[in-house]
Amino acid sequence: MALMITAECINCDVCEPECPNGAISLGEEYYVIDPLLCTECVGHHDQPQCVQVCPVECIPKDPDHRETEQQLYAKYLRLAERV
């Protein structure tokens, strides 16, 4: 399951540089996560780094993009091939 950033985001800029896949970018009002690039840090870290650094805890799992650990790892492998 990809992650998402909610409207509680305070645009503190700490999450974007932590994302190893470049899935986080500044949206119209607050930061957003591209579900096609988000692997919840599977393949990179034990826990999602954006969630670890978020001071307002506004990064839950995105219910519209459900993925298993295996699917997230497969996405990580596809993204790693692009590099």
PDB file of N, CA and C in Angstrom:
ATOM      1  N   MET A   1       0.851  -1.170   0.000  1.00  0.00           N
ATOM      2  CA  MET A   1       0.000   0.000   0.000  1.00  0.00           C
ATOM      3  C   MET A   1       0.894   1.229   0.000  1.00  0.00           C
ATOM      4  N   ALA A   2       0.668   2.113  -0.903  1.00  0.00           N
ATOM      5  CA  ALA A   2       1.407   3.368  -0.921  1.00  0.00           C
ATOM      6  C   ALA A   2       0.961   4.231   0.251  1.00  0.00           C
ATOM      7  N   LEU A   3       1.751   5.228   0.543  1.00  0.00           N
ATOM      8  CA  LEU A   3       1.410   6.171   1.593  1.00  0.00           C
ATOM      9  C   LEU A   3       0.787   7.407   0.962  1.00  0.00           C
ATOM     10  N   MET A   4       0.191   8.237   1.804  1.00  0.00           N
ATOM     11  CA  MET A   4      -0.384   9.491   1.334  1.00  0.00           C
ATOM     12  C   MET A   4      -0.122  10.559   2.382  1.00  0.00           C
ATOM     13  N   ILE A   5      -0.165  11.799   1.975  1.00  0.00           N
ATOM     14  CA  ILE A   5       0.006  12.912   2.900  1.00  0.00           C
ATOM     15  C   ILE A   5      -1.343  13.615   3.007  1.00  0.00           C
ATOM     16  N   THR A   6      -1.787  13.823   4.229  1.00  0.00           N
ATOM     17  CA  THR A   6      -3.095  14.434   4.463  1.00  0.00           C
ATOM     18  C   THR A   6      -2.989  15.961   4.538  1.00  0.00           C
ATOM     19  N   ALA A   7      -4.131  16.599   4.583  1.00  0.00           N
ATOM     20  CA  ALA A   7      -4.210  18.060   4.637  1.00  0.00           C
ATOM     21  C   ALA A   7      -3.603  18.636   5.916  1.00  0.00           C
ATOM     22  N   GLU A   8      -3.295  17.803   6.890  1.00  0.00           N
ATOM     23  CA  GLU A   8      -2.662  18.282   8.119  1.00  0.00           C
ATOM     24  C   GLU A   8      -1.197  18.659   7.894  1.00  0.00           C
ATOM     25  N   CYS A   9      -0.669  18.359   6.714  1.00  0.00           N
ATOM     26  CA  CYS A   9       0.718  18.670   6.363  1.00  0.00           C
ATOM     27  C   CYS A   9       0.996  20.158   6.585  1.00  0.00           C
ATOM     28  N   ILE A  10       2.131  20.467   7.216  1.00  0.00           N
ATOM     29  CA  ILE A  10       2.499  21.857   7.486  1.00  0.00           C
ATOM     30  C   ILE A  10       3.595  22.349   6.535  1.00  0.00           C
ATOM     31  N   ASN A  11       3.874  21.578   5.484  1.00  0.00           N
ATOM     32  CA  ASN A  11       4.886  21.951   4.493  1.00  0.00           C
ATOM     33  C   ASN A  11       6.236  22.258   5.124  1.00  0.00           C
ATOM     34  N   CYS A  12       6.660  21.412   6.026  1.00  0.00           N
ATOM     35  CA  CYS A  12       7.923  21.637   6.736  1.00  0.00           C
ATOM     36  C   CYS A  12       9.139  21.209   5.915  1.00  0.00           C
ATOM     37  N   ASP A  13       8.928  20.523   4.812  1.00  0.00           N
ATOM     38  CA  ASP A  13       9.995  20.142   3.873  1.00  0.00           C
ATOM     39  C   ASP A  13      10.915  19.021   4.357  1.00  0.00           C
ATOM     40  N   VAL A  14      10.598  18.331   5.430  1.00  0.00           N
ATOM     41  CA  VAL A  14      11.517  17.289   5.901  1.00  0.00           C
ATOM     42  C   VAL A  14      11.304  15.941   5.225  1.00  0.00           C
ATOM     43  N   CYS A  15      10.124  15.680   4.709  1.00  0.00           N
ATOM     44  CA  CYS A  15       9.848  14.367   4.126  1.00  0.00           C
ATOM     45  C   CYS A  15      10.435  14.190   2.729  1.00  0.00           C
ATOM     46  N   GLU A  16      10.368  15.214   1.916  1.00  0.00           N
ATOM     47  CA  GLU A  16      10.772  15.098   0.507  1.00  0.00           C
ATOM     48  C   GLU A  16      12.192  14.557   0.331  1.00  0.00           C
ATOM     49  N   PRO A  17      13.198  15.102   1.006  1.00  0.00           N
ATOM     50  CA  PRO A  17      14.556  14.580   0.788  1.00  0.00           C
ATOM     51  C   PRO A  17      14.787  13.185   1.362  1.00  0.00           C
ATOM     52  N   GLU A  18      13.896  12.716   2.223  1.00  0.00           N
ATOM     53  CA  GLU A  18      14.054  11.390   2.827  1.00  0.00           C
ATOM     54  C   GLU A  18      13.587  10.266   1.919  1.00  0.00           C
ATOM     55  N   CYS A  19      12.791  10.571   0.902  1.00  0.00           N
ATOM     56  CA  CYS A  19      12.214   9.536   0.049  1.00  0.00           C
ATOM     57  C   CYS A  19      13.255   9.013  -0.945  1.00  0.00           C
ATOM     58  N   PRO A  20      13.613   7.733  -0.849  1.00  0.00           N
ATOM     59  CA  PRO A  20      14.630   7.183  -1.749  1.00  0.00           C
ATOM     60  C   PRO A  20      14.143   7.001  -3.185  1.00  0.00           C
ATOM     61  N   ASN A  21      12.832   7.072  -3.394  1.00  0.00           N
ATOM     62  CA  ASN A  21      12.270   6.880  -4.731  1.00  0.00           C
ATOM     63  C   ASN A  21      11.848   8.175  -5.408  1.00  0.00           C
ATOM     64  N   GLY A  22      11.983   9.294  -4.723  1.00  0.00           N
ATOM     65  CA  GLY A  22      11.545  10.561  -5.296  1.00  0.00           C
ATOM     66  C   GLY A  22      10.045  10.645  -5.470  1.00  0.00           C
ATOM     67  N   ALA A  23       9.308   9.961  -4.606  1.00  0.00           N
ATOM     68  CA  ALA A  23       7.852   9.909  -4.716  1.00  0.00           C
ATOM     69  C   ALA A  23       7.154  11.123  -4.116  1.00  0.00           C
ATOM     70  N   ILE A  24       7.855  11.927  -3.338  1.00  0.00           N
ATOM     71  CA  ILE A  24       7.241  13.056  -2.648  1.00  0.00           C
ATOM     72  C   ILE A  24       7.584  14.353  -3.361  1.00  0.00           C
ATOM     73  N   SER A  25       6.550  15.156  -3.587  1.00  0.00           N
ATOM     74  CA  SER A  25       6.761  16.463  -4.212  1.00  0.00           C
ATOM     75  C   SER A  25       5.754  17.457  -3.640  1.00  0.00           C
ATOM     76  N   LEU A  26       6.032  18.721  -3.848  1.00  0.00           N
ATOM     77  CA  LEU A  26       5.133  19.752  -3.355  1.00  0.00           C
ATOM     78  C   LEU A  26       3.928  19.846  -4.282  1.00  0.00           C
ATOM     79  N   GLY A  27       2.751  19.671  -3.710  1.00  0.00           N
ATOM     80  CA  GLY A  27       1.506  19.787  -4.464  1.00  0.00           C
ATOM     81  C   GLY A  27       1.022  21.226  -4.450  1.00  0.00           C
ATOM     82  N   GLU A  28      -0.225  21.417  -4.815  1.00  0.00           N
ATOM     83  CA  GLU A  28      -0.785  22.774  -4.857  1.00  0.00           C
ATOM     84  C   GLU A  28      -0.869  23.422  -3.482  1.00  0.00           C
ATOM     85  N   GLU A  29      -1.239  22.608  -2.469  1.00  0.00           N
ATOM     86  CA  GLU A  29      -1.391  23.159  -1.126  1.00  0.00           C
ATOM     87  C   GLU A  29      -0.427  22.562  -0.112  1.00  0.00           C
ATOM     88  N   TYR A  30      -0.051  21.315  -0.302  1.00  0.00           N
ATOM     89  CA  TYR A  30       0.869  20.632   0.604  1.00  0.00           C
ATOM     90  C   TYR A  30       1.541  19.501  -0.160  1.00  0.00           C
ATOM     91  N   TYR A  31       2.476  18.838   0.487  1.00  0.00           N
ATOM     92  CA  TYR A  31       3.220  17.770  -0.175  1.00  0.00           C
ATOM     93  C   TYR A  31       2.305  16.603  -0.539  1.00  0.00           C
ATOM     94  N   VAL A  32       2.668  15.902  -1.597  1.00  0.00           N
ATOM     95  CA  VAL A  32       1.904  14.751  -2.068  1.00  0.00           C
ATOM     96  C   VAL A  32       2.868  13.602  -2.348  1.00  0.00           C
ATOM     97  N   ILE A  33       2.329  12.387  -2.367  1.00  0.00           N
ATOM     98  CA  ILE A  33       3.119  11.190  -2.658  1.00  0.00           C
ATOM     99  C   ILE A  33       2.559  10.540  -3.909  1.00  0.00           C
ATOM    100  N   ASP A  34       3.429  10.278  -4.873  1.00  0.00           N
ATOM    101  CA  ASP A  34       3.045   9.599  -6.099  1.00  0.00           C
ATOM    102  C   ASP A  34       2.951   8.100  -5.796  1.00  0.00           C
ATOM    103  N   PRO A  35       1.752   7.517  -5.851  1.00  0.00           N
ATOM    104  CA  PRO A  35       1.608   6.097  -5.502  1.00  0.00           C
ATOM    105  C   PRO A  35       2.333   5.164  -6.472  1.00  0.00           C
ATOM    106  N   LEU A  36       2.655   5.640  -7.668  1.00  0.00           N
ATOM    107  CA  LEU A  36       3.389   4.807  -8.619  1.00  0.00           C
ATOM    108  C   LEU A  36       4.868   4.696  -8.248  1.00  0.00           C
ATOM    109  N   LEU A  37       5.347   5.614  -7.406  1.00  0.00           N
ATOM    110  CA  LEU A  37       6.741   5.602  -6.986  1.00  0.00           C
ATOM    111  C   LEU A  37       6.942   5.186  -5.530  1.00  0.00           C
ATOM    112  N   CYS A  38       5.884   5.230  -4.739  1.00  0.00           N
ATOM    113  CA  CYS A  38       6.001   4.916  -3.304  1.00  0.00           C
ATOM    114  C   CYS A  38       6.064   3.413  -3.074  1.00  0.00           C
ATOM    115  N   THR A  39       7.121   2.980  -2.398  1.00  0.00           N
ATOM    116  CA  THR A  39       7.263   1.573  -2.004  1.00  0.00           C
ATOM    117  C   THR A  39       7.251   1.429  -0.486  1.00  0.00           C
ATOM    118  N   GLU A  40       6.872   2.497   0.222  1.00  0.00           N
ATOM    119  CA  GLU A  40       6.933   2.532   1.680  1.00  0.00           C
ATOM    120  C   GLU A  40       8.338   2.213   2.155  1.00  0.00           C
ATOM    121  N   CYS A  41       9.318   2.547   1.337  1.00  0.00           N
ATOM    122  CA  CYS A  41      10.742   2.332   1.586  1.00  0.00           C
ATOM    123  C   CYS A  41      11.149   0.857   1.566  1.00  0.00           C
ATOM    124  N   VAL A  42      10.252  -0.032   1.136  1.00  0.00           N
ATOM    125  CA  VAL A  42      10.609  -1.443   0.978  1.00  0.00           C
ATOM    126  C   VAL A  42      11.767  -1.519  -0.013  1.00  0.00           C
ATOM    127  N   GLY A  43      12.781  -2.282   0.338  1.00  0.00           N
ATOM    128  CA  GLY A  43      13.971  -2.401  -0.485  1.00  0.00           C
ATOM    129  C   GLY A  43      15.053  -1.413  -0.085  1.00  0.00           C
ATOM    130  N   HIS A  44      14.682  -0.390   0.679  1.00  0.00           N
ATOM    131  CA  HIS A  44      15.638   0.623   1.114  1.00  0.00           C
ATOM    132  C   HIS A  44      15.817   0.629   2.633  1.00  0.00           C
ATOM    133  N   HIS A  45      14.705   0.648   3.349  1.00  0.00           N
ATOM    134  CA  HIS A  45      14.725   0.790   4.809  1.00  0.00           C
ATOM    135  C   HIS A  45      13.675  -0.120   5.434  1.00  0.00           C
ATOM    136  N   ASP A  46      13.796  -0.342   6.733  1.00  0.00           N
ATOM    137  CA  ASP A  46      12.825  -1.167   7.449  1.00  0.00           C
ATOM    138  C   ASP A  46      11.496  -0.464   7.653  1.00  0.00           C
ATOM    139  N   GLN A  47      11.514   0.867   7.690  1.00  0.00           N
ATOM    140  CA  GLN A  47      10.300   1.644   7.913  1.00  0.00           C
ATOM    141  C   GLN A  47      10.278   2.830   6.953  1.00  0.00           C
ATOM    142  N   PRO A  48       9.088   3.306   6.591  1.00  0.00           N
ATOM    143  CA  PRO A  48       9.001   4.477   5.722  1.00  0.00           C
ATOM    144  C   PRO A  48       9.687   5.682   6.373  1.00  0.00           C
ATOM    145  N   GLN A  49      10.651   6.232   5.688  1.00  0.00           N
ATOM    146  CA  GLN A  49      11.424   7.332   6.246  1.00  0.00           C
ATOM    147  C   GLN A  49      10.619   8.612   6.388  1.00  0.00           C
ATOM    148  N   CYS A  50       9.688   8.856   5.475  1.00  0.00           N
ATOM    149  CA  CYS A  50       8.869  10.070   5.588  1.00  0.00           C
ATOM    150  C   CYS A  50       8.034  10.037   6.862  1.00  0.00           C
ATOM    151  N   VAL A  51       7.516   8.871   7.196  1.00  0.00           N
ATOM    152  CA  VAL A  51       6.713   8.721   8.411  1.00  0.00           C
ATOM    153  C   VAL A  51       7.589   8.967   9.638  1.00  0.00           C
ATOM    154  N   GLN A  52       8.821   8.498   9.581  1.00  0.00           N
ATOM    155  CA  GLN A  52       9.741   8.649  10.712  1.00  0.00           C
ATOM    156  C   GLN A  52      10.066  10.109  11.011  1.00  0.00           C
ATOM    157  N   VAL A  53      10.167  10.946   9.974  1.00  0.00           N
ATOM    158  CA  VAL A  53      10.583  12.332  10.190  1.00  0.00           C
ATOM    159  C   VAL A  53       9.423  13.320  10.286  1.00  0.00           C
ATOM    160  N   CYS A  54       8.214  12.911   9.941  1.00  0.00           N
ATOM    161  CA  CYS A  54       7.068  13.832   9.928  1.00  0.00           C
ATOM    162  C   CYS A  54       6.725  14.300  11.344  1.00  0.00           C
ATOM    163  N   PRO A  55       6.789  15.615  11.590  1.00  0.00           N
ATOM    164  CA  PRO A  55       6.510  16.112  12.942  1.00  0.00           C
ATOM    165  C   PRO A  55       5.029  16.160  13.304  1.00  0.00           C
ATOM    166  N   VAL A  56       4.136  16.055  12.318  1.00  0.00           N
ATOM    167  CA  VAL A  56       2.708  16.151  12.612  1.00  0.00           C
ATOM    168  C   VAL A  56       1.954  14.849  12.329  1.00  0.00           C
ATOM    169  N   GLU A  57       2.682  13.788  11.992  1.00  0.00           N
ATOM    170  CA  GLU A  57       2.097  12.466  11.769  1.00  0.00           C
ATOM    171  C   GLU A  57       0.928  12.511  10.784  1.00  0.00           C
ATOM    172  N   CYS A  58       1.196  13.055   9.597  1.00  0.00           N
ATOM    173  CA  CYS A  58       0.137  13.199   8.596  1.00  0.00           C
ATOM    174  C   CYS A  58       0.366  12.290   7.383  1.00  0.00           C
ATOM    175  N   ILE A  59       1.075  11.164   7.574  1.00  0.00           N
ATOM    176  CA  ILE A  59       1.376  10.284   6.448  1.00  0.00           C
ATOM    177  C   ILE A  59       0.881   8.863   6.741  1.00  0.00           C
ATOM    178  N   PRO A  60      -0.405   8.619   6.512  1.00  0.00           N
ATOM    179  CA  PRO A  60      -0.955   7.266   6.700  1.00  0.00           C
ATOM    180  C   PRO A  60      -0.855   6.444   5.411  1.00  0.00           C
ATOM    181  N   LYS A  61      -1.248   5.194   5.507  1.00  0.00           N
ATOM    182  CA  LYS A  61      -1.351   4.357   4.314  1.00  0.00           C
ATOM    183  C   LYS A  61      -2.515   4.851   3.469  1.00  0.00           C
ATOM    184  N   ASP A  62      -2.355   4.793   2.157  1.00  0.00           N
ATOM    185  CA  ASP A  62      -3.377   5.262   1.230  1.00  0.00           C
ATOM    186  C   ASP A  62      -4.358   4.121   0.948  1.00  0.00           C
ATOM    187  N   PRO A  63      -5.594   4.212   1.426  1.00  0.00           N
ATOM    188  CA  PRO A  63      -6.548   3.117   1.232  1.00  0.00           C
ATOM    189  C   PRO A  63      -6.918   2.890  -0.232  1.00  0.00           C
ATOM    190  N   ASP A  64      -6.642   3.852  -1.091  1.00  0.00           N
ATOM    191  CA  ASP A  64      -6.945   3.708  -2.514  1.00  0.00           C
ATOM    192  C   ASP A  64      -5.836   2.998  -3.287  1.00  0.00           C
ATOM    193  N   HIS A  65      -4.718   2.723  -2.631  1.00  0.00           N
ATOM    194  CA  HIS A  65      -3.585   2.066  -3.282  1.00  0.00           C
ATOM    195  C   HIS A  65      -3.051   0.951  -2.392  1.00  0.00           C
ATOM    196  N   ARG A  66      -3.835  -0.100  -2.276  1.00  0.00           N
ATOM    197  CA  ARG A  66      -3.464  -1.236  -1.436  1.00  0.00           C
ATOM    198  C   ARG A  66      -2.461  -2.129  -2.160  1.00  0.00           C
ATOM    199  N   GLU A  67      -1.357  -2.437  -1.487  1.00  0.00           N
ATOM    200  CA  GLU A  67      -0.338  -3.307  -2.046  1.00  0.00           C
ATOM    201  C   GLU A  67       0.247  -4.168  -0.933  1.00  0.00           C
ATOM    202  N   THR A  68       0.591  -5.392  -1.279  1.00  0.00           N
ATOM    203  CA  THR A  68       1.233  -6.285  -0.318  1.00  0.00           C
ATOM    204  C   THR A  68       2.723  -5.960  -0.249  1.00  0.00           C
ATOM    205  N   GLU A  69       3.382  -6.526   0.728  1.00  0.00           N
ATOM    206  CA  GLU A  69       4.837  -6.373   0.857  1.00  0.00           C
ATOM    207  C   GLU A  69       5.534  -6.876  -0.410  1.00  0.00           C
ATOM    208  N   GLN A  70       5.043  -7.969  -0.973  1.00  0.00           N
ATOM    209  CA  GLN A  70       5.633  -8.528  -2.193  1.00  0.00           C
ATOM    210  C   GLN A  70       5.428  -7.577  -3.380  1.00  0.00           C
ATOM    211  N   GLN A  71       4.266  -6.969  -3.480  1.00  0.00           N
ATOM    212  CA  GLN A  71       4.011  -6.014  -4.563  1.00  0.00           C
ATOM    213  C   GLN A  71       4.889  -4.773  -4.417  1.00  0.00           C
ATOM    214  N   LEU A  72       5.063  -4.309  -3.184  1.00  0.00           N
ATOM    215  CA  LEU A  72       5.930  -3.159  -2.947  1.00  0.00           C
ATOM    216  C   LEU A  72       7.370  -3.493  -3.322  1.00  0.00           C
ATOM    217  N   TYR A  73       7.813  -4.702  -3.002  1.00  0.00           N
ATOM    218  CA  TYR A  73       9.181  -5.101  -3.345  1.00  0.00           C
ATOM    219  C   TYR A  73       9.345  -5.218  -4.859  1.00  0.00           C
ATOM    220  N   ALA A  74       8.348  -5.744  -5.537  1.00  0.00           N
ATOM    221  CA  ALA A  74       8.397  -5.840  -7.000  1.00  0.00           C
ATOM    222  C   ALA A  74       8.463  -4.429  -7.608  1.00  0.00           C
ATOM    223  N   LYS A  75       7.720  -3.487  -7.038  1.00  0.00           N
ATOM    224  CA  LYS A  75       7.775  -2.103  -7.515  1.00  0.00           C
ATOM    225  C   LYS A  75       9.168  -1.528  -7.283  1.00  0.00           C
ATOM    226  N   TYR A  76       9.732  -1.802  -6.113  1.00  0.00           N
ATOM    227  CA  TYR A  76      11.101  -1.354  -5.817  1.00  0.00           C
ATOM    228  C   TYR A  76      12.076  -1.885  -6.872  1.00  0.00           C
ATOM    229  N   LEU A  77      11.961  -3.156  -7.222  1.00  0.00           N
ATOM    230  CA  LEU A  77      12.864  -3.733  -8.217  1.00  0.00           C
ATOM    231  C   LEU A  77      12.698  -3.060  -9.583  1.00  0.00           C
ATOM    232  N   ARG A  78      11.457  -2.789  -9.977  1.00  0.00           N
ATOM    233  CA  ARG A  78      11.208  -2.096 -11.252  1.00  0.00           C
ATOM    234  C   ARG A  78      11.814  -0.701 -11.239  1.00  0.00           C
ATOM    235  N   LEU A  79      11.647   0.009 -10.134  1.00  0.00           N
ATOM    236  CA  LEU A  79      12.194   1.361 -10.024  1.00  0.00           C
ATOM    237  C   LEU A  79      13.719   1.334 -10.009  1.00  0.00           C
ATOM    238  N   ALA A  80      14.302   0.322  -9.380  1.00  0.00           N
ATOM    239  CA  ALA A  80      15.762   0.207  -9.304  1.00  0.00           C
ATOM    240  C   ALA A  80      16.364  -0.038 -10.687  1.00  0.00           C
ATOM    241  N   GLU A  81      15.619  -0.693 -11.550  1.00  0.00           N
ATOM    242  CA  GLU A  81      16.099  -0.943 -12.912  1.00  0.00           C
ATOM    243  C   GLU A  81      16.218   0.340 -13.714  1.00  0.00           C
ATOM    244  N   ARG A  82      15.410   1.331 -13.389  1.00  0.00           N
ATOM    245  CA  ARG A  82      15.418   2.607 -14.129  1.00  0.00           C
ATOM    246  C   ARG A  82      16.659   3.428 -13.854  1.00  0.00           C
ATOM    247  N   VAL A  83      17.309   3.168 -12.742  1.00  0.00           N
ATOM    248  CA  VAL A  83      18.455   3.979 -12.325  1.00  0.00           C
ATOM    249  C   VAL A  83      19.697   3.634 -13.090  1.00  0.00           C
TER     250      VAL A  83
END
